[in-house]
Amino acid sequence: MNLTARCCSLRALILSAVCAVAAGVPTIEASAADVSLKTGSGMPLQSGPETGATIHSFFVRAVTGPHRNRSVCYVCRYGPRPVVAVFMQDVDPDLPKLLKAIDGFVDENRVAGLRSFGVLVTDDSASVVPILQTMAFDEQIRMPLTASTTTIAGQEAMHLNEKAATTVVLYRNVRAVSTLAFSKGGIDDDAVETTLRQLKSLIESRER
């Protein structure tokens, strides 16, 4: 390649980079949230129902909240309201950080109808339910926490990715709007901020 061609190529690369920054397009560096949402293949970790899919009703055992020790369907109770449901296939050490942030946002937006609930997906509820009770008490988590079997709320029923320790499902009018998935150890400050941004979009969305 001659000198003229090299100069033209260099100018093109610089112009491309400048345009990308001006447009807000990420270049080389990825945020911590992006990293936490990646699998080993470098692809986003997909978990939960597809956008637009119906959130079918299912019953859970309430561990905390006003319906404690009862069988309840929160999908039925909340109806068409905007809802954030957190499905836990593994209890991440930083899970309380995410749940408390969601609690705060829900409290600030109850007038918009926003509601929440958490589901620990397990076939061994006798041994893990105390974990939820202790976490809710120690961390003052107000979100109703529940437990359900893998058959009712697991990978096949809710399309949860086995690699996702935590899957956040945002829905309105019992249809999925968006999902967020975090592998174990992937819940950090950026992940929490990403979740809150998605929640803000959920309550601001309107039916067309």
N, C-alpha and C. Protein backbone atom coordinates (compact mmCIF):
# COMPACT_ATOMS: atom_id res chain seq x y z
N MET A 1 0.85 -1.19 0.00
CA MET A 1 0.00 0.00 0.00
C MET A 1 0.89 1.24 0.00
N ASN A 2 0.63 2.20 -0.94
CA ASN A 2 1.46 3.39 -1.02
C ASN A 2 1.11 4.38 0.08
N LEU A 3 1.92 5.44 0.20
CA LEU A 3 1.74 6.41 1.28
C LEU A 3 0.39 7.10 1.22
N THR A 4 -0.05 7.45 0.02
CA THR A 4 -1.35 8.13 -0.15
C THR A 4 -2.49 7.25 0.34
N ALA A 5 -2.42 5.97 -0.04
CA ALA A 5 -3.47 5.04 0.36
C ALA A 5 -3.49 4.85 1.86
N ARG A 6 -2.28 4.78 2.46
CA ARG A 6 -2.21 4.63 3.91
C ARG A 6 -2.81 5.82 4.64
N CYS A 7 -2.53 7.00 4.15
CA CYS A 7 -3.08 8.23 4.76
C CYS A 7 -4.59 8.25 4.68
N CYS A 8 -5.12 7.86 3.53
CA CYS A 8 -6.58 7.82 3.34
C CYS A 8 -7.21 6.83 4.31
N SER A 9 -6.54 5.65 4.45
CA SER A 9 -7.07 4.63 5.36
C SER A 9 -7.06 5.12 6.79
N LEU A 10 -5.97 5.81 7.19
CA LEU A 10 -5.88 6.33 8.55
C LEU A 10 -6.94 7.38 8.81
N ARG A 11 -7.16 8.27 7.84
CA ARG A 11 -8.21 9.30 8.00
C ARG A 11 -9.58 8.65 8.14
N ALA A 12 -9.80 7.58 7.39
CA ALA A 12 -11.10 6.90 7.45
C ALA A 12 -11.32 6.28 8.82
N LEU A 13 -10.27 5.67 9.40
CA LEU A 13 -10.40 5.07 10.71
C LEU A 13 -10.69 6.12 11.78
N ILE A 14 -9.96 7.24 11.70
CA ILE A 14 -10.17 8.32 12.67
C ILE A 14 -11.58 8.88 12.56
N LEU A 15 -12.05 9.11 11.34
CA LEU A 15 -13.39 9.64 11.12
C LEU A 15 -14.43 8.67 11.65
N SER A 16 -14.21 7.36 11.45
CA SER A 16 -15.16 6.36 11.93
C SER A 16 -15.25 6.36 13.44
N ALA A 17 -14.07 6.49 14.10
CA ALA A 17 -14.06 6.50 15.57
C ALA A 17 -14.76 7.73 16.11
N VAL A 18 -14.50 8.90 15.48
CA VAL A 18 -15.14 10.15 15.92
C VAL A 18 -16.65 10.06 15.77
N CYS A 19 -17.12 9.52 14.67
CA CYS A 19 -18.56 9.39 14.44
C CYS A 19 -19.18 8.44 15.46
N ALA A 20 -18.47 7.37 15.79
CA ALA A 20 -19.00 6.40 16.76
C ALA A 20 -19.17 7.04 18.12
N VAL A 21 -18.16 7.83 18.54
CA VAL A 21 -18.25 8.50 19.84
C VAL A 21 -19.38 9.52 19.84
N ALA A 22 -19.50 10.28 18.75
CA ALA A 22 -20.56 11.30 18.66
C ALA A 22 -21.93 10.67 18.71
N ALA A 23 -22.05 9.48 18.16
CA ALA A 23 -23.36 8.81 18.13
C ALA A 23 -23.63 8.02 19.39
N GLY A 24 -22.64 8.00 20.28
CA GLY A 24 -22.84 7.26 21.53
C GLY A 24 -22.67 5.77 21.35
N VAL A 25 -21.99 5.33 20.28
CA VAL A 25 -21.79 3.92 20.02
C VAL A 25 -20.56 3.46 20.77
N PRO A 26 -20.65 2.37 21.57
CA PRO A 26 -19.48 1.90 22.30
C PRO A 26 -18.41 1.40 21.35
N THR A 27 -17.15 1.67 21.65
CA THR A 27 -16.07 1.23 20.77
C THR A 27 -15.41 -0.01 21.34
N ILE A 28 -14.32 0.13 22.10
CA ILE A 28 -13.59 -1.04 22.56
C ILE A 28 -14.03 -1.47 23.95
N GLU A 29 -14.12 -0.50 24.90
CA GLU A 29 -14.40 -0.84 26.27
C GLU A 29 -15.86 -1.20 26.47
N ALA A 30 -16.11 -2.24 27.29
CA ALA A 30 -17.47 -2.64 27.64
C ALA A 30 -17.69 -2.35 29.11
N SER A 31 -18.92 -2.02 29.47
CA SER A 31 -19.22 -1.73 30.87
C SER A 31 -19.20 -3.01 31.68
N ALA A 32 -19.14 -2.85 33.00
CA ALA A 32 -19.14 -4.02 33.88
C ALA A 32 -20.42 -4.81 33.74
N ALA A 33 -21.55 -4.10 33.51
CA ALA A 33 -22.83 -4.79 33.34
C ALA A 33 -22.81 -5.65 32.10
N ASP A 34 -22.21 -5.13 31.01
CA ASP A 34 -22.12 -5.92 29.79
C ASP A 34 -21.34 -7.20 30.02
N VAL A 35 -20.25 -7.09 30.78
CA VAL A 35 -19.42 -8.26 31.05
C VAL A 35 -20.21 -9.28 31.85
N SER A 36 -20.97 -8.84 32.83
CA SER A 36 -21.72 -9.75 33.69
C SER A 36 -22.83 -10.45 32.93
N LEU A 37 -23.23 -9.89 31.81
CA LEU A 37 -24.30 -10.47 31.02
C LEU A 37 -23.78 -11.33 29.88
N LYS A 38 -22.49 -11.60 29.87
CA LYS A 38 -21.90 -12.36 28.78
C LYS A 38 -21.66 -13.81 29.19
N THR A 39 -21.76 -14.71 28.22
CA THR A 39 -21.39 -16.09 28.43
C THR A 39 -19.97 -16.26 27.96
N GLY A 40 -19.46 -17.46 28.07
CA GLY A 40 -18.11 -17.71 27.63
C GLY A 40 -17.92 -17.47 26.15
N SER A 41 -18.98 -17.56 25.36
CA SER A 41 -18.89 -17.37 23.92
C SER A 41 -18.89 -15.90 23.54
N GLY A 42 -19.09 -15.01 24.54
CA GLY A 42 -19.13 -13.58 24.26
C GLY A 42 -20.50 -13.09 23.86
N MET A 43 -21.48 -13.99 23.84
CA MET A 43 -22.85 -13.61 23.48
C MET A 43 -23.62 -13.24 24.75
N PRO A 44 -24.62 -12.34 24.63
CA PRO A 44 -25.42 -11.97 25.80
C PRO A 44 -26.11 -13.20 26.40
N LEU A 45 -26.18 -13.24 27.71
CA LEU A 45 -26.84 -14.34 28.40
C LEU A 45 -28.35 -14.11 28.34
N GLN A 46 -29.03 -14.92 27.57
CA GLN A 46 -30.47 -14.79 27.40
C GLN A 46 -31.19 -15.72 28.38
N SER A 47 -32.14 -15.18 29.11
CA SER A 47 -32.91 -15.98 30.06
C SER A 47 -34.27 -15.34 30.28
N GLY A 48 -35.29 -16.18 30.38
CA GLY A 48 -36.63 -15.67 30.58
C GLY A 48 -37.44 -15.65 29.31
N PRO A 49 -38.72 -15.33 29.41
CA PRO A 49 -39.60 -15.31 28.24
C PRO A 49 -39.22 -14.24 27.23
N GLU A 50 -39.50 -14.52 25.97
CA GLU A 50 -39.21 -13.55 24.91
C GLU A 50 -40.13 -12.34 25.02
N THR A 51 -39.68 -11.22 24.50
CA THR A 51 -40.49 -10.00 24.50
C THR A 51 -41.82 -10.25 23.81
N GLY A 52 -42.90 -9.88 24.48
CA GLY A 52 -44.24 -10.08 23.93
C GLY A 52 -44.90 -11.38 24.34
N ALA A 53 -44.11 -12.29 24.93
CA ALA A 53 -44.68 -13.57 25.34
C ALA A 53 -45.60 -13.39 26.55
N THR A 54 -46.63 -14.20 26.62
CA THR A 54 -47.58 -14.15 27.73
C THR A 54 -46.93 -14.72 29.00
N ILE A 55 -47.10 -14.03 30.10
CA ILE A 55 -46.64 -14.54 31.39
C ILE A 55 -47.80 -15.35 31.98
N HIS A 56 -47.68 -16.65 31.89
CA HIS A 56 -48.76 -17.51 32.35
C HIS A 56 -48.83 -17.54 33.88
N SER A 57 -50.02 -17.70 34.39
CA SER A 57 -50.21 -17.74 35.84
C SER A 57 -49.59 -19.00 36.43
N PHE A 58 -49.03 -18.88 37.61
CA PHE A 58 -48.48 -20.03 38.31
C PHE A 58 -48.49 -19.74 39.81
N PHE A 59 -48.62 -20.79 40.59
CA PHE A 59 -48.70 -20.64 42.03
C PHE A 59 -47.34 -20.88 42.68
N VAL A 60 -47.10 -20.12 43.73
CA VAL A 60 -45.85 -20.22 44.50
C VAL A 60 -46.20 -20.32 45.98
N ARG A 61 -45.23 -20.73 46.76
CA ARG A 61 -45.39 -20.72 48.21
C ARG A 61 -44.80 -19.42 48.74
N ALA A 62 -45.63 -18.59 49.32
CA ALA A 62 -45.16 -17.31 49.85
C ALA A 62 -44.32 -17.56 51.10
N VAL A 63 -43.11 -17.03 51.09
CA VAL A 63 -42.19 -17.19 52.22
C VAL A 63 -42.20 -15.95 53.10
N THR A 64 -42.33 -14.78 52.46
CA THR A 64 -42.43 -13.52 53.21
C THR A 64 -43.61 -12.73 52.65
N GLY A 65 -43.94 -11.65 53.32
CA GLY A 65 -45.03 -10.81 52.83
C GLY A 65 -46.36 -11.15 53.46
N PRO A 66 -47.42 -10.44 53.06
CA PRO A 66 -48.74 -10.60 53.69
C PRO A 66 -49.38 -11.96 53.49
N HIS A 67 -48.92 -12.72 52.50
CA HIS A 67 -49.52 -14.05 52.23
C HIS A 67 -48.60 -15.18 52.65
N ARG A 68 -47.75 -14.90 53.60
CA ARG A 68 -46.76 -15.88 54.06
C ARG A 68 -47.39 -17.22 54.41
N ASN A 69 -46.71 -18.29 53.97
CA ASN A 69 -47.12 -19.68 54.21
C ASN A 69 -48.38 -20.07 53.45
N ARG A 70 -48.74 -19.28 52.47
CA ARG A 70 -49.90 -19.61 51.64
C ARG A 70 -49.48 -19.84 50.19
N SER A 71 -50.32 -20.51 49.46
CA SER A 71 -50.11 -20.69 48.03
C SER A 71 -50.77 -19.51 47.32
N VAL A 72 -50.02 -18.80 46.51
CA VAL A 72 -50.55 -17.60 45.88
C VAL A 72 -50.04 -17.47 44.45
N CYS A 73 -50.85 -16.86 43.59
CA CYS A 73 -50.45 -16.56 42.22
C CYS A 73 -50.31 -15.05 42.11
N TYR A 74 -49.08 -14.57 42.10
CA TYR A 74 -48.86 -13.13 42.02
C TYR A 74 -49.14 -12.59 40.62
N VAL A 75 -48.99 -13.43 39.63
CA VAL A 75 -49.35 -13.00 38.27
C VAL A 75 -50.84 -12.69 38.23
N CYS A 76 -51.63 -13.52 38.88
CA CYS A 76 -53.08 -13.30 38.94
C CYS A 76 -53.41 -12.05 39.76
N ARG A 77 -52.77 -11.92 40.90
CA ARG A 77 -53.08 -10.81 41.80
C ARG A 77 -52.74 -9.46 41.19
N TYR A 78 -51.62 -9.38 40.50
CA TYR A 78 -51.18 -8.10 39.96
C TYR A 78 -51.81 -7.76 38.62
N GLY A 79 -52.34 -8.75 37.94
CA GLY A 79 -53.08 -8.50 36.70
C GLY A 79 -52.30 -7.69 35.67
N PRO A 80 -52.92 -6.62 35.13
CA PRO A 80 -52.29 -5.86 34.04
C PRO A 80 -51.24 -4.84 34.49
N ARG A 81 -51.00 -4.73 35.79
CA ARG A 81 -50.03 -3.75 36.28
C ARG A 81 -48.62 -4.02 35.74
N PRO A 82 -47.77 -3.00 35.74
CA PRO A 82 -46.35 -3.23 35.43
C PRO A 82 -45.73 -3.98 36.61
N VAL A 83 -44.99 -5.03 36.31
CA VAL A 83 -44.45 -5.90 37.36
C VAL A 83 -42.99 -6.24 37.07
N VAL A 84 -42.20 -6.35 38.14
CA VAL A 84 -40.85 -6.89 38.03
C VAL A 84 -40.80 -8.16 38.87
N ALA A 85 -40.50 -9.27 38.20
CA ALA A 85 -40.40 -10.57 38.87
C ALA A 85 -38.95 -11.03 38.82
N VAL A 86 -38.42 -11.41 39.96
CA VAL A 86 -37.03 -11.84 40.04
C VAL A 86 -36.98 -13.35 40.30
N PHE A 87 -36.44 -14.10 39.33
CA PHE A 87 -36.33 -15.55 39.44
C PHE A 87 -34.90 -15.91 39.84
N MET A 88 -34.78 -16.65 40.94
CA MET A 88 -33.47 -16.99 41.49
C MET A 88 -33.24 -18.49 41.40
N GLN A 89 -32.29 -18.91 40.58
CA GLN A 89 -31.94 -20.32 40.51
C GLN A 89 -30.76 -20.63 41.43
N ASP A 90 -30.09 -19.58 41.86
CA ASP A 90 -28.99 -19.68 42.82
C ASP A 90 -28.96 -18.36 43.58
N VAL A 91 -28.70 -18.42 44.86
CA VAL A 91 -28.71 -17.19 45.66
C VAL A 91 -27.34 -16.53 45.57
N ASP A 92 -27.27 -15.46 44.79
CA ASP A 92 -26.03 -14.71 44.61
C ASP A 92 -25.72 -13.95 45.89
N PRO A 93 -24.44 -13.87 46.28
CA PRO A 93 -24.08 -13.13 47.50
C PRO A 93 -24.54 -11.67 47.46
N ASP A 94 -24.59 -11.09 46.27
CA ASP A 94 -24.99 -9.68 46.14
C ASP A 94 -26.45 -9.51 45.75
N LEU A 95 -27.22 -10.59 45.83
CA LEU A 95 -28.64 -10.51 45.49
C LEU A 95 -29.38 -9.47 46.33
N PRO A 96 -29.13 -9.37 47.64
CA PRO A 96 -29.84 -8.36 48.44
C PRO A 96 -29.67 -6.94 47.89
N LYS A 97 -28.50 -6.64 47.34
CA LYS A 97 -28.26 -5.31 46.77
C LYS A 97 -29.26 -5.02 45.65
N LEU A 98 -29.50 -6.00 44.80
CA LEU A 98 -30.45 -5.84 43.70
C LEU A 98 -31.88 -5.74 44.21
N LEU A 99 -32.25 -6.62 45.14
CA LEU A 99 -33.62 -6.63 45.65
C LEU A 99 -33.95 -5.33 46.40
N LYS A 100 -33.01 -4.82 47.16
CA LYS A 100 -33.25 -3.57 47.90
C LYS A 100 -33.39 -2.39 46.94
N ALA A 101 -32.62 -2.40 45.87
CA ALA A 101 -32.73 -1.32 44.87
C ALA A 101 -34.10 -1.38 44.20
N ILE A 102 -34.56 -2.57 43.89
CA ILE A 102 -35.89 -2.73 43.28
C ILE A 102 -36.96 -2.30 44.27
N ASP A 103 -36.80 -2.68 45.54
CA ASP A 103 -37.74 -2.26 46.59
C ASP A 103 -37.91 -0.74 46.59
N GLY A 104 -36.79 -0.04 46.60
CA GLY A 104 -36.83 1.42 46.64
C GLY A 104 -37.55 2.01 45.44
N PHE A 105 -37.27 1.44 44.26
CA PHE A 105 -37.89 1.96 43.05
C PHE A 105 -39.39 1.68 43.04
N VAL A 106 -39.78 0.50 43.49
CA VAL A 106 -41.20 0.14 43.54
C VAL A 106 -41.94 1.06 44.51
N ASP A 107 -41.34 1.32 45.66
CA ASP A 107 -41.97 2.20 46.65
C ASP A 107 -42.20 3.61 46.08
N GLU A 108 -41.25 4.07 45.27
CA GLU A 108 -41.36 5.40 44.69
C GLU A 108 -42.36 5.46 43.54
N ASN A 109 -42.74 4.32 43.01
CA ASN A 109 -43.60 4.30 41.81
C ASN A 109 -44.86 3.46 41.99
N ARG A 110 -45.30 3.31 43.23
CA ARG A 110 -46.54 2.56 43.46
C ARG A 110 -47.74 3.24 42.83
N VAL A 111 -47.70 4.57 42.77
CA VAL A 111 -48.82 5.29 42.17
C VAL A 111 -48.96 4.91 40.69
N ALA A 112 -47.86 4.48 40.08
CA ALA A 112 -47.90 4.04 38.67
C ALA A 112 -48.34 2.59 38.56
N GLY A 113 -48.60 1.95 39.72
CA GLY A 113 -49.07 0.58 39.72
C GLY A 113 -47.98 -0.46 39.78
N LEU A 114 -46.72 -0.03 39.86
CA LEU A 114 -45.60 -0.97 39.82
C LEU A 114 -45.63 -1.91 41.03
N ARG A 115 -45.42 -3.20 40.74
CA ARG A 115 -45.38 -4.23 41.79
C ARG A 115 -44.20 -5.16 41.54
N SER A 116 -43.89 -6.00 42.54
CA SER A 116 -42.75 -6.90 42.41
C SER A 116 -42.96 -8.16 43.22
N PHE A 117 -42.22 -9.20 42.87
CA PHE A 117 -42.15 -10.40 43.68
C PHE A 117 -40.92 -11.21 43.25
N GLY A 118 -40.41 -12.02 44.17
CA GLY A 118 -39.25 -12.84 43.87
C GLY A 118 -39.59 -14.31 44.01
N VAL A 119 -38.97 -15.13 43.17
CA VAL A 119 -39.24 -16.57 43.19
C VAL A 119 -37.92 -17.35 43.25
N LEU A 120 -37.73 -18.10 44.31
CA LEU A 120 -36.59 -19.01 44.39
C LEU A 120 -37.03 -20.33 43.75
N VAL A 121 -36.38 -20.68 42.65
CA VAL A 121 -36.76 -21.88 41.91
C VAL A 121 -35.95 -23.06 42.46
N THR A 122 -36.64 -23.97 43.12
CA THR A 122 -35.94 -25.07 43.79
C THR A 122 -36.86 -26.26 44.00
N ASP A 123 -36.27 -27.45 44.06
CA ASP A 123 -37.03 -28.65 44.41
C ASP A 123 -36.70 -29.10 45.83
N ASP A 124 -36.01 -28.24 46.56
CA ASP A 124 -35.63 -28.54 47.94
C ASP A 124 -35.97 -27.36 48.83
N SER A 125 -37.24 -26.99 48.82
CA SER A 125 -37.67 -25.79 49.53
C SER A 125 -37.44 -25.87 51.03
N ALA A 126 -37.50 -27.05 51.60
CA ALA A 126 -37.35 -27.19 53.05
C ALA A 126 -36.01 -26.65 53.54
N SER A 127 -34.97 -26.83 52.73
CA SER A 127 -33.64 -26.41 53.18
C SER A 127 -33.28 -24.99 52.75
N VAL A 128 -33.93 -24.49 51.70
CA VAL A 128 -33.54 -23.18 51.19
C VAL A 128 -34.48 -22.05 51.59
N VAL A 129 -35.70 -22.38 51.95
CA VAL A 129 -36.64 -21.33 52.36
C VAL A 129 -36.10 -20.51 53.53
N PRO A 130 -35.46 -21.14 54.53
CA PRO A 130 -34.89 -20.33 55.62
C PRO A 130 -33.87 -19.30 55.14
N ILE A 131 -33.22 -19.58 54.00
CA ILE A 131 -32.27 -18.62 53.44
C ILE A 131 -33.01 -17.34 53.05
N LEU A 132 -34.18 -17.50 52.41
CA LEU A 132 -34.98 -16.34 52.02
C LEU A 132 -35.47 -15.58 53.24
N GLN A 133 -35.93 -16.33 54.25
CA GLN A 133 -36.44 -15.69 55.46
C GLN A 133 -35.36 -14.87 56.16
N THR A 134 -34.17 -15.45 56.25
CA THR A 134 -33.06 -14.75 56.91
C THR A 134 -32.64 -13.53 56.11
N MET A 135 -32.56 -13.67 54.79
CA MET A 135 -32.15 -12.56 53.94
C MET A 135 -33.16 -11.42 54.02
N ALA A 136 -34.44 -11.76 53.99
CA ALA A 136 -35.48 -10.73 54.05
C ALA A 136 -35.43 -9.99 55.38
N PHE A 137 -35.19 -10.72 56.46
CA PHE A 137 -35.14 -10.09 57.80
C PHE A 137 -33.88 -9.24 57.97
N ASP A 138 -32.74 -9.82 57.63
CA ASP A 138 -31.47 -9.12 57.84
C ASP A 138 -31.32 -7.89 56.96
N GLU A 139 -31.80 -8.00 55.72
CA GLU A 139 -31.62 -6.91 54.76
C GLU A 139 -32.85 -6.01 54.64
N GLN A 140 -33.91 -6.32 55.40
CA GLN A 140 -35.14 -5.53 55.37
C GLN A 140 -35.71 -5.45 53.95
N ILE A 141 -35.81 -6.58 53.30
CA ILE A 141 -36.34 -6.63 51.94
C ILE A 141 -37.86 -6.73 52.00
N ARG A 142 -38.54 -5.81 51.37
CA ARG A 142 -39.99 -5.74 51.43
C ARG A 142 -40.69 -6.49 50.30
N MET A 143 -39.99 -6.75 49.23
CA MET A 143 -40.55 -7.51 48.12
C MET A 143 -41.02 -8.89 48.61
N PRO A 144 -42.24 -9.32 48.24
CA PRO A 144 -42.66 -10.67 48.63
C PRO A 144 -41.72 -11.70 48.01
N LEU A 145 -41.15 -12.54 48.85
CA LEU A 145 -40.26 -13.60 48.39
C LEU A 145 -41.00 -14.93 48.47
N THR A 146 -40.83 -15.74 47.45
CA THR A 146 -41.59 -16.99 47.35
C THR A 146 -40.66 -18.11 46.89
N ALA A 147 -41.20 -19.32 46.90
CA ALA A 147 -40.46 -20.48 46.39
C ALA A 147 -41.39 -21.29 45.49
N SER A 148 -40.81 -21.88 44.45
CA SER A 148 -41.59 -22.71 43.54
C SER A 148 -40.68 -23.79 42.96
N THR A 149 -41.27 -24.86 42.49
CA THR A 149 -40.49 -25.97 41.96
C THR A 149 -39.98 -25.66 40.55
N THR A 150 -39.01 -26.44 40.13
CA THR A 150 -38.47 -26.25 38.78
C THR A 150 -39.50 -26.58 37.72
N THR A 151 -40.42 -27.47 38.02
CA THR A 151 -41.47 -27.81 37.05
C THR A 151 -42.40 -26.64 36.82
N ILE A 152 -42.73 -25.92 37.88
CA ILE A 152 -43.69 -24.82 37.78
C ILE A 152 -43.05 -23.53 37.29
N ALA A 153 -41.83 -23.23 37.75
CA ALA A 153 -41.23 -21.94 37.43
C ALA A 153 -39.77 -22.06 36.97
N GLY A 154 -39.41 -23.22 36.48
CA GLY A 154 -38.02 -23.44 36.11
C GLY A 154 -37.69 -23.16 34.66
N GLN A 155 -36.69 -23.88 34.16
CA GLN A 155 -36.13 -23.60 32.84
C GLN A 155 -37.14 -23.80 31.72
N GLU A 156 -37.94 -24.84 31.79
CA GLU A 156 -38.91 -25.08 30.72
C GLU A 156 -40.11 -24.16 30.84
N ALA A 157 -40.62 -23.98 32.06
CA ALA A 157 -41.82 -23.17 32.26
C ALA A 157 -41.59 -21.70 31.98
N MET A 158 -40.47 -21.14 32.49
CA MET A 158 -40.20 -19.71 32.34
C MET A 158 -39.02 -19.44 31.42
N HIS A 159 -38.54 -20.48 30.75
CA HIS A 159 -37.43 -20.35 29.79
C HIS A 159 -36.19 -19.75 30.44
N LEU A 160 -35.90 -20.20 31.66
CA LEU A 160 -34.73 -19.71 32.36
C LEU A 160 -33.47 -20.41 31.85
N ASN A 161 -32.42 -19.65 31.67
CA ASN A 161 -31.14 -20.19 31.25
C ASN A 161 -30.46 -20.82 32.47
N GLU A 162 -29.98 -22.04 32.32
CA GLU A 162 -29.36 -22.73 33.46
C GLU A 162 -28.13 -22.00 33.98
N LYS A 163 -27.53 -21.14 33.15
CA LYS A 163 -26.34 -20.39 33.57
C LYS A 163 -26.70 -19.10 34.30
N ALA A 164 -27.98 -18.76 34.32
CA ALA A 164 -28.42 -17.52 34.95
C ALA A 164 -28.78 -17.78 36.42
N ALA A 165 -27.99 -17.25 37.33
CA ALA A 165 -28.33 -17.37 38.75
C ALA A 165 -29.57 -16.53 39.06
N THR A 166 -29.65 -15.36 38.40
CA THR A 166 -30.77 -14.43 38.62
C THR A 166 -31.31 -13.95 37.28
N THR A 167 -32.62 -14.06 37.12
CA THR A 167 -33.28 -13.56 35.91
C THR A 167 -34.37 -12.58 36.31
N VAL A 168 -34.27 -11.37 35.82
CA VAL A 168 -35.26 -10.32 36.12
C VAL A 168 -36.20 -10.20 34.92
N VAL A 169 -37.48 -10.41 35.17
CA VAL A 169 -38.49 -10.34 34.11
C VAL A 169 -39.39 -9.14 34.36
N LEU A 170 -39.43 -8.22 33.41
CA LEU A 170 -40.30 -7.05 33.49
C LEU A 170 -41.47 -7.26 32.55
N TYR A 171 -42.68 -7.12 33.07
CA TYR A 171 -43.84 -7.32 32.20
C TYR A 171 -44.96 -6.36 32.54
N ARG A 172 -45.84 -6.18 31.58
CA ARG A 172 -47.01 -5.33 31.71
C ARG A 172 -48.15 -5.98 30.93
N ASN A 173 -49.37 -5.91 31.47
CA ASN A 173 -50.51 -6.56 30.83
C ASN A 173 -50.22 -8.03 30.59
N VAL A 174 -49.54 -8.65 31.57
CA VAL A 174 -49.13 -10.06 31.57
C VAL A 174 -48.39 -10.48 30.29
N ARG A 175 -47.65 -9.52 29.71
CA ARG A 175 -46.80 -9.83 28.56
C ARG A 175 -45.39 -9.28 28.83
N ALA A 176 -44.41 -10.11 28.52
CA ALA A 176 -43.02 -9.74 28.80
C ALA A 176 -42.61 -8.50 28.01
N VAL A 177 -41.98 -7.56 28.69
CA VAL A 177 -41.47 -6.35 28.06
C VAL A 177 -39.96 -6.47 27.85
N SER A 178 -39.25 -6.94 28.88
CA SER A 178 -37.81 -7.14 28.76
C SER A 178 -37.33 -8.05 29.87
N THR A 179 -36.13 -8.59 29.70
CA THR A 179 -35.53 -9.45 30.72
C THR A 179 -34.06 -9.08 30.91
N LEU A 180 -33.55 -9.37 32.08
CA LEU A 180 -32.14 -9.19 32.39
C LEU A 180 -31.65 -10.46 33.07
N ALA A 181 -30.47 -10.91 32.71
CA ALA A 181 -29.95 -12.14 33.30
C ALA A 181 -28.55 -11.92 33.85
N PHE A 182 -28.29 -12.49 35.03
CA PHE A 182 -27.00 -12.34 35.67
C PHE A 182 -26.49 -13.71 36.12
N SER A 183 -25.27 -14.02 35.73
CA SER A 183 -24.65 -15.24 36.22
C SER A 183 -24.25 -15.00 37.67
N LYS A 184 -23.91 -16.07 38.39
CA LYS A 184 -23.54 -15.91 39.80
C LYS A 184 -22.29 -15.04 39.89
N GLY A 185 -22.36 -14.03 40.74
CA GLY A 185 -21.26 -13.09 40.87
C GLY A 185 -21.36 -11.91 39.92
N GLY A 186 -22.43 -11.89 39.13
CA GLY A 186 -22.57 -10.83 38.13
C GLY A 186 -23.39 -9.63 38.57
N ILE A 187 -23.88 -9.64 39.79
CA ILE A 187 -24.66 -8.50 40.28
C ILE A 187 -23.72 -7.49 40.92
N ASP A 188 -23.48 -6.39 40.21
CA ASP A 188 -22.65 -5.31 40.73
C ASP A 188 -23.43 -4.00 40.59
N ASP A 189 -22.78 -2.88 40.86
CA ASP A 189 -23.45 -1.59 40.80
C ASP A 189 -23.99 -1.29 39.40
N ASP A 190 -23.22 -1.64 38.38
CA ASP A 190 -23.68 -1.40 37.01
C ASP A 190 -24.90 -2.24 36.67
N ALA A 191 -24.92 -3.49 37.17
CA ALA A 191 -26.06 -4.37 36.93
C ALA A 191 -27.32 -3.80 37.58
N VAL A 192 -27.16 -3.26 38.80
CA VAL A 192 -28.30 -2.66 39.50
C VAL A 192 -28.80 -1.44 38.74
N GLU A 193 -27.88 -0.59 38.28
CA GLU A 193 -28.27 0.61 37.54
C GLU A 193 -28.98 0.25 36.24
N THR A 194 -28.50 -0.79 35.57
CA THR A 194 -29.14 -1.24 34.33
C THR A 194 -30.57 -1.70 34.62
N THR A 195 -30.76 -2.43 35.71
CA THR A 195 -32.09 -2.91 36.08
C THR A 195 -33.03 -1.73 36.36
N LEU A 196 -32.54 -0.73 37.07
CA LEU A 196 -33.37 0.43 37.40
C LEU A 196 -33.73 1.22 36.14
N ARG A 197 -32.81 1.29 35.20
CA ARG A 197 -33.13 1.97 33.94
C ARG A 197 -34.24 1.24 33.19
N GLN A 198 -34.17 -0.08 33.19
CA GLN A 198 -35.20 -0.87 32.53
C GLN A 198 -36.55 -0.70 33.23
N LEU A 199 -36.52 -0.61 34.55
CA LEU A 199 -37.75 -0.40 35.31
C LEU A 199 -38.36 0.96 34.98
N LYS A 200 -37.51 1.96 34.85
CA LYS A 200 -37.99 3.29 34.50
C LYS A 200 -38.68 3.26 33.14
N SER A 201 -38.10 2.55 32.21
CA SER A 201 -38.70 2.42 30.87
C SER A 201 -40.03 1.68 30.95
N LEU A 202 -40.09 0.69 31.85
CA LEU A 202 -41.32 -0.10 31.98
C LEU A 202 -42.50 0.76 32.41
N ILE A 203 -42.29 1.59 33.43
CA ILE A 203 -43.43 2.38 33.92
C ILE A 203 -43.74 3.56 33.02
N GLU A 204 -42.80 3.93 32.16
CA GLU A 204 -43.04 5.05 31.24
C GLU A 204 -43.64 4.58 29.93
N SER A 205 -43.61 3.26 29.70
CA SER A 205 -44.15 2.75 28.43
C SER A 205 -45.66 2.89 28.42
N ARG A 206 -46.20 3.04 27.23
CA ARG A 206 -47.65 3.19 27.06
C ARG A 206 -48.14 2.26 25.95
N GLU A 207 -49.34 1.84 26.11
CA GLU A 207 -49.93 1.00 25.06
C GLU A 207 -50.19 1.82 23.80
N ARG A 208 -49.86 1.23 22.69
CA ARG A 208 -50.09 1.93 21.42
C ARG A 208 -51.52 1.68 20.93
